[in-house]
Amino acid sequence: MNETLFQAAALIVPLVIAIVFHEVAHGWTARALGDPTAAQMKRLSLNPFRHVDPVGTILVPGALALAKGPIMGWAKPVPVVKSRLRNPRFGMMAVAAAGPGSNLVLAAVGAILLGLVMGGYQALQEPSLVARFVALNLFNFITINVFLALFNLLPIPPFDGSHIVEGLLPERAAAQYERLRPLGFPIILLLIVVLPWLVPGFDPVGKLVVPPVQWLTGQYMALAAVFAGG
């Protein structure tokens, strides 16, 4: 198999799974807290075709991978109607936290499975292509889930972290903060794309997100080592 295709396939599969579970977790939590909108719109399915955004789920992550940048992406947002939640202020915080939380749980599952696969390696003279592909998928699954969880906790609209911050702020301050929401995407574009391109060394993702991602990924790899018998 061509090495580029091998690497791309091992990125796309875990990315799609991570993003789909992230979005569905928002919808499941919203339904549990009183808002059935996502269920009514049939968005609680794990069928990726109901959630995949061709640009955000495939093209952007693929371009970032080719450019050796951090792998990030998005799916079609699961609809949540704040006013339908039984406790809108707490509910939005819980719904927002559910997405990153699901990614951290998935990373733990990936670490356990990777450990079991790596443990099986010890009985092989030379791992097969299939075994290598499975192991690479699981390693990428861990790192992608950790990155998605921590990246989405940034307190910038429309990331999940912004809803959590909004819920923690006093009501007047929360109302002022909410006014930033329409400016969220331009702010993200400025901080992550424009300024790093214009200002050498300006890398908020690399400096603020990557170090905790690397540390947490290391903890998951330690978990994998336990299940590998090492």
Protein backbone atom coordinates (compact mmCIF):
# COMPACT_ATOMS: atom_id res chain seq x y z
CA MET A 1 0.00 0.00 0.00
CA ASN A 2 1.25 3.48 -0.87
CA GLU A 3 2.61 5.00 2.36
CA THR A 4 0.67 8.27 1.92
CA LEU A 5 -2.61 6.40 1.46
CA PHE A 6 -1.73 4.18 4.40
CA GLN A 7 -1.19 7.19 6.66
CA ALA A 8 -4.30 9.01 5.33
CA ALA A 9 -6.57 6.01 5.88
CA ALA A 10 -5.24 5.62 9.41
CA LEU A 11 -6.17 9.26 10.10
CA ILE A 12 -9.58 9.52 8.46
CA VAL A 13 -11.19 6.52 10.19
CA PRO A 14 -10.32 7.55 13.79
CA LEU A 15 -11.09 11.22 13.05
CA VAL A 16 -14.58 10.45 11.75
CA ILE A 17 -15.34 8.19 14.73
CA ALA A 18 -14.06 10.79 17.21
CA ILE A 19 -16.05 13.63 15.65
CA VAL A 20 -19.28 11.63 15.31
CA PHE A 21 -19.21 10.49 18.96
CA HIS A 22 -18.38 14.05 20.04
CA GLU A 23 -21.46 15.45 18.32
CA VAL A 24 -23.79 12.63 19.32
CA ALA A 25 -22.68 13.03 22.96
CA HIS A 26 -23.94 16.63 22.82
CA GLY A 27 -27.29 15.41 21.55
CA TRP A 28 -27.61 12.53 24.03
CA THR A 29 -26.88 14.87 26.93
CA ALA A 30 -29.30 17.51 25.65
CA ARG A 31 -32.07 14.92 25.40
CA ALA A 32 -31.35 13.69 28.92
CA LEU A 33 -31.60 17.28 30.19
CA GLY A 34 -34.89 18.06 28.44
CA ASP A 35 -34.12 19.08 24.85
CA PRO A 36 -35.21 16.41 22.32
CA THR A 37 -34.36 18.55 19.26
CA ALA A 38 -31.45 16.39 18.07
CA ALA A 39 -33.51 13.22 18.47
CA GLN A 40 -36.43 14.75 16.57
CA MET A 41 -34.06 15.69 13.73
CA LYS A 42 -32.59 12.14 13.73
CA ARG A 43 -29.13 13.38 14.68
CA LEU A 44 -28.51 10.90 17.49
CA SER A 45 -27.47 8.23 15.01
CA LEU A 46 -23.87 6.97 14.91
CA ASN A 47 -24.18 6.80 11.13
CA PRO A 48 -21.32 9.12 10.06
CA PHE A 49 -23.18 10.29 6.96
CA ARG A 50 -25.66 12.13 9.20
CA HIS A 51 -22.81 14.13 10.75
CA VAL A 52 -19.92 14.39 8.31
CA ASP A 53 -19.16 17.81 6.87
CA PRO A 54 -17.14 17.24 3.67
CA VAL A 55 -14.99 20.31 4.35
CA GLY A 56 -14.58 20.10 8.12
CA THR A 57 -14.37 16.33 8.46
CA ILE A 58 -12.30 15.43 5.40
CA LEU A 59 -10.75 18.30 3.43
CA VAL A 60 -9.47 20.46 6.31
CA PRO A 61 -7.97 17.58 8.34
CA GLY A 62 -6.45 16.13 5.17
CA ALA A 63 -4.84 19.44 4.23
CA LEU A 64 -3.52 19.90 7.78
CA ALA A 65 -2.07 16.39 7.75
CA LEU A 66 -0.26 17.05 4.47
CA ALA A 67 1.04 20.34 5.89
CA LYS A 68 2.25 18.52 9.05
CA GLY A 69 -0.05 20.68 11.16
CA PRO A 70 -2.27 19.71 14.10
CA ILE A 71 -5.13 17.48 12.97
CA MET A 72 -8.43 19.20 13.65
CA GLY A 73 -11.84 19.14 12.08
CA TRP A 74 -15.54 19.43 12.71
CA ALA A 75 -18.86 17.83 11.84
CA LYS A 76 -22.30 19.29 11.31
CA PRO A 77 -23.22 20.64 14.78
CA VAL A 78 -25.94 18.71 16.57
CA PRO A 79 -28.83 21.15 17.18
CA VAL A 80 -29.43 22.13 20.80
CA VAL A 81 -32.17 24.57 21.82
CA LYS A 82 -31.12 26.20 25.08
CA SER A 83 -34.64 27.25 26.05
CA ARG A 84 -35.89 23.64 25.91
CA LEU A 85 -33.40 22.49 28.56
CA ARG A 86 -34.88 22.11 32.04
CA ASN A 87 -32.08 24.23 33.48
CA PRO A 88 -30.71 26.20 30.51
CA ARG A 89 -27.67 27.65 32.29
CA PHE A 90 -26.43 24.36 33.77
CA GLY A 91 -27.77 22.38 30.82
CA MET A 92 -25.65 24.19 28.23
CA MET A 93 -22.55 23.66 30.36
CA ALA A 94 -23.27 19.93 30.65
CA VAL A 95 -24.09 19.58 26.95
CA ALA A 96 -20.87 21.40 26.01
CA ALA A 97 -18.75 19.29 28.38
CA ALA A 98 -20.23 16.05 27.02
CA GLY A 99 -18.42 16.38 23.69
CA PRO A 100 -14.85 16.66 25.05
CA GLY A 101 -15.76 14.19 27.79
CA SER A 102 -16.75 11.59 25.21
CA ASN A 103 -13.42 12.09 23.44
CA LEU A 104 -11.47 11.46 26.64
CA VAL A 105 -13.44 8.27 27.26
CA LEU A 106 -12.83 7.14 23.68
CA ALA A 107 -9.11 7.83 24.10
CA ALA A 108 -9.08 5.53 27.13
CA VAL A 109 -10.85 2.80 25.14
CA GLY A 110 -8.33 3.29 22.32
CA ALA A 111 -5.43 3.01 24.78
CA ILE A 112 -6.73 -0.27 26.19
CA LEU A 113 -7.22 -1.72 22.70
CA LEU A 114 -3.79 -0.48 21.58
CA GLY A 115 -2.23 -2.15 24.61
CA LEU A 116 -3.92 -5.44 23.78
CA VAL A 117 -2.76 -5.20 20.15
CA MET A 118 0.79 -4.32 21.16
CA GLY A 119 0.76 -7.22 23.60
CA GLY A 120 -0.08 -9.49 20.68
CA TYR A 121 2.90 -8.09 18.76
CA GLN A 122 5.21 -9.80 21.19
CA ALA A 123 4.18 -13.20 19.83
CA LEU A 124 4.92 -12.21 16.21
CA GLN A 125 8.23 -12.35 14.43
CA GLU A 126 7.16 -9.50 12.18
CA PRO A 127 3.80 -7.68 12.49
CA SER A 128 1.59 -7.98 9.42
CA LEU A 129 0.39 -4.97 7.42
CA VAL A 130 -3.05 -5.40 8.96
CA ALA A 131 -1.62 -5.41 12.49
CA ARG A 132 0.43 -2.28 11.73
CA PHE A 133 -2.64 -0.57 10.27
CA VAL A 134 -4.78 -1.40 13.31
CA ALA A 135 -2.08 -0.20 15.71
CA LEU A 136 -1.58 3.06 13.79
CA ASN A 137 -5.35 3.66 13.73
CA LEU A 138 -5.53 3.16 17.47
CA PHE A 139 -2.55 5.44 18.14
CA ASN A 140 -4.09 8.14 15.94
CA PHE A 141 -7.44 7.51 17.64
CA ILE A 142 -5.91 8.35 21.01
CA THR A 143 -4.09 11.49 19.86
CA ILE A 144 -7.02 12.80 17.80
CA ASN A 145 -9.50 12.32 20.65
CA VAL A 146 -7.19 14.03 23.14
CA PHE A 147 -6.58 16.93 20.76
CA LEU A 148 -10.29 17.35 19.96
CA ALA A 149 -11.17 17.32 23.66
CA LEU A 150 -8.62 19.94 24.72
CA PHE A 151 -8.93 22.10 21.60
CA ASN A 152 -12.70 22.27 22.04
CA LEU A 153 -12.27 23.42 25.63
CA LEU A 154 -10.69 26.68 24.48
CA PRO A 155 -12.93 29.54 25.73
CA ILE A 156 -13.53 30.94 22.24
CA PRO A 157 -16.99 30.78 20.61
CA PRO A 158 -18.24 28.50 19.20
CA PHE A 159 -16.01 25.96 20.98
CA ASP A 160 -17.47 23.96 23.86
CA GLY A 161 -15.24 25.80 26.32
CA SER A 162 -17.09 29.03 25.59
CA HIS A 163 -20.40 27.54 26.77
CA ILE A 164 -18.75 26.30 29.96
CA VAL A 165 -17.21 29.73 30.65
CA GLU A 166 -20.53 31.42 29.89
CA GLY A 167 -22.29 29.22 32.43
CA LEU A 168 -19.70 30.01 35.10
CA LEU A 169 -19.82 33.78 34.66
CA PRO A 170 -22.29 36.03 36.53
CA GLU A 171 -25.40 36.57 34.41
CA ARG A 172 -24.52 40.12 33.34
CA ALA A 173 -20.97 39.15 32.36
CA ALA A 174 -22.32 36.03 30.61
CA ALA A 175 -24.65 38.20 28.51
CA GLN A 176 -21.71 40.38 27.45
CA TYR A 177 -19.60 37.30 26.69
CA GLU A 178 -22.39 35.79 24.58
CA ARG A 179 -22.25 38.84 22.30
CA LEU A 180 -18.83 37.61 21.13
CA ARG A 181 -20.41 34.47 19.63
CA PRO A 182 -20.99 35.91 16.12
CA LEU A 183 -17.31 36.95 16.08
CA GLY A 184 -16.09 33.50 17.06
CA PHE A 185 -15.09 32.18 13.66
CA PRO A 186 -13.25 35.37 12.60
CA ILE A 187 -11.37 35.32 15.94
CA ILE A 188 -10.39 31.67 15.42
CA LEU A 189 -9.29 32.38 11.85
CA LEU A 190 -7.22 35.35 13.03
CA LEU A 191 -5.54 33.49 15.90
CA ILE A 192 -4.93 30.14 14.20
CA VAL A 193 -4.34 31.01 10.55
CA VAL A 194 -3.73 34.71 9.86
CA LEU A 195 -1.48 35.81 12.75
CA PRO A 196 0.74 32.66 12.67
CA TRP A 197 1.25 33.31 8.95
CA LEU A 198 2.02 37.02 9.45
CA VAL A 199 3.96 36.84 12.72
CA PRO A 200 6.81 34.31 12.95
CA GLY A 201 6.67 32.42 16.21
CA PHE A 202 3.03 33.27 16.92
CA ASP A 203 1.53 29.83 17.52
CA PRO A 204 -1.24 29.77 20.14
CA VAL A 205 -2.23 26.19 19.32
CA GLY A 206 1.35 24.96 19.54
CA LYS A 207 2.01 26.80 22.80
CA LEU A 208 -1.32 26.46 24.61
CA VAL A 209 -2.89 23.24 23.33
CA VAL A 210 -0.09 20.96 22.14
CA PRO A 211 1.84 20.69 25.48
CA PRO A 212 -1.20 19.46 27.50
CA VAL A 213 -2.16 17.22 24.56
CA GLN A 214 1.31 15.66 24.59
CA TRP A 215 1.21 15.20 28.37
CA LEU A 216 -2.25 13.63 28.40
CA THR A 217 -1.43 11.43 25.41
CA GLY A 218 1.56 10.20 27.38
CA GLN A 219 -0.75 9.18 30.23
CA TYR A 220 -2.94 7.23 27.83
CA MET A 221 0.13 5.55 26.35
CA ALA A 222 1.15 4.56 29.87
CA LEU A 223 -2.31 2.96 30.20
CA ALA A 224 -1.72 1.15 26.91
CA ALA A 225 1.61 -0.15 28.22
CA VAL A 226 -0.17 -1.63 31.24
CA PHE A 227 -2.51 -3.62 29.00
CA ALA A 228 0.41 -4.60 26.75
CA GLY A 229 2.01 -6.25 29.72
CA GLY A 230 4.87 -3.74 29.84
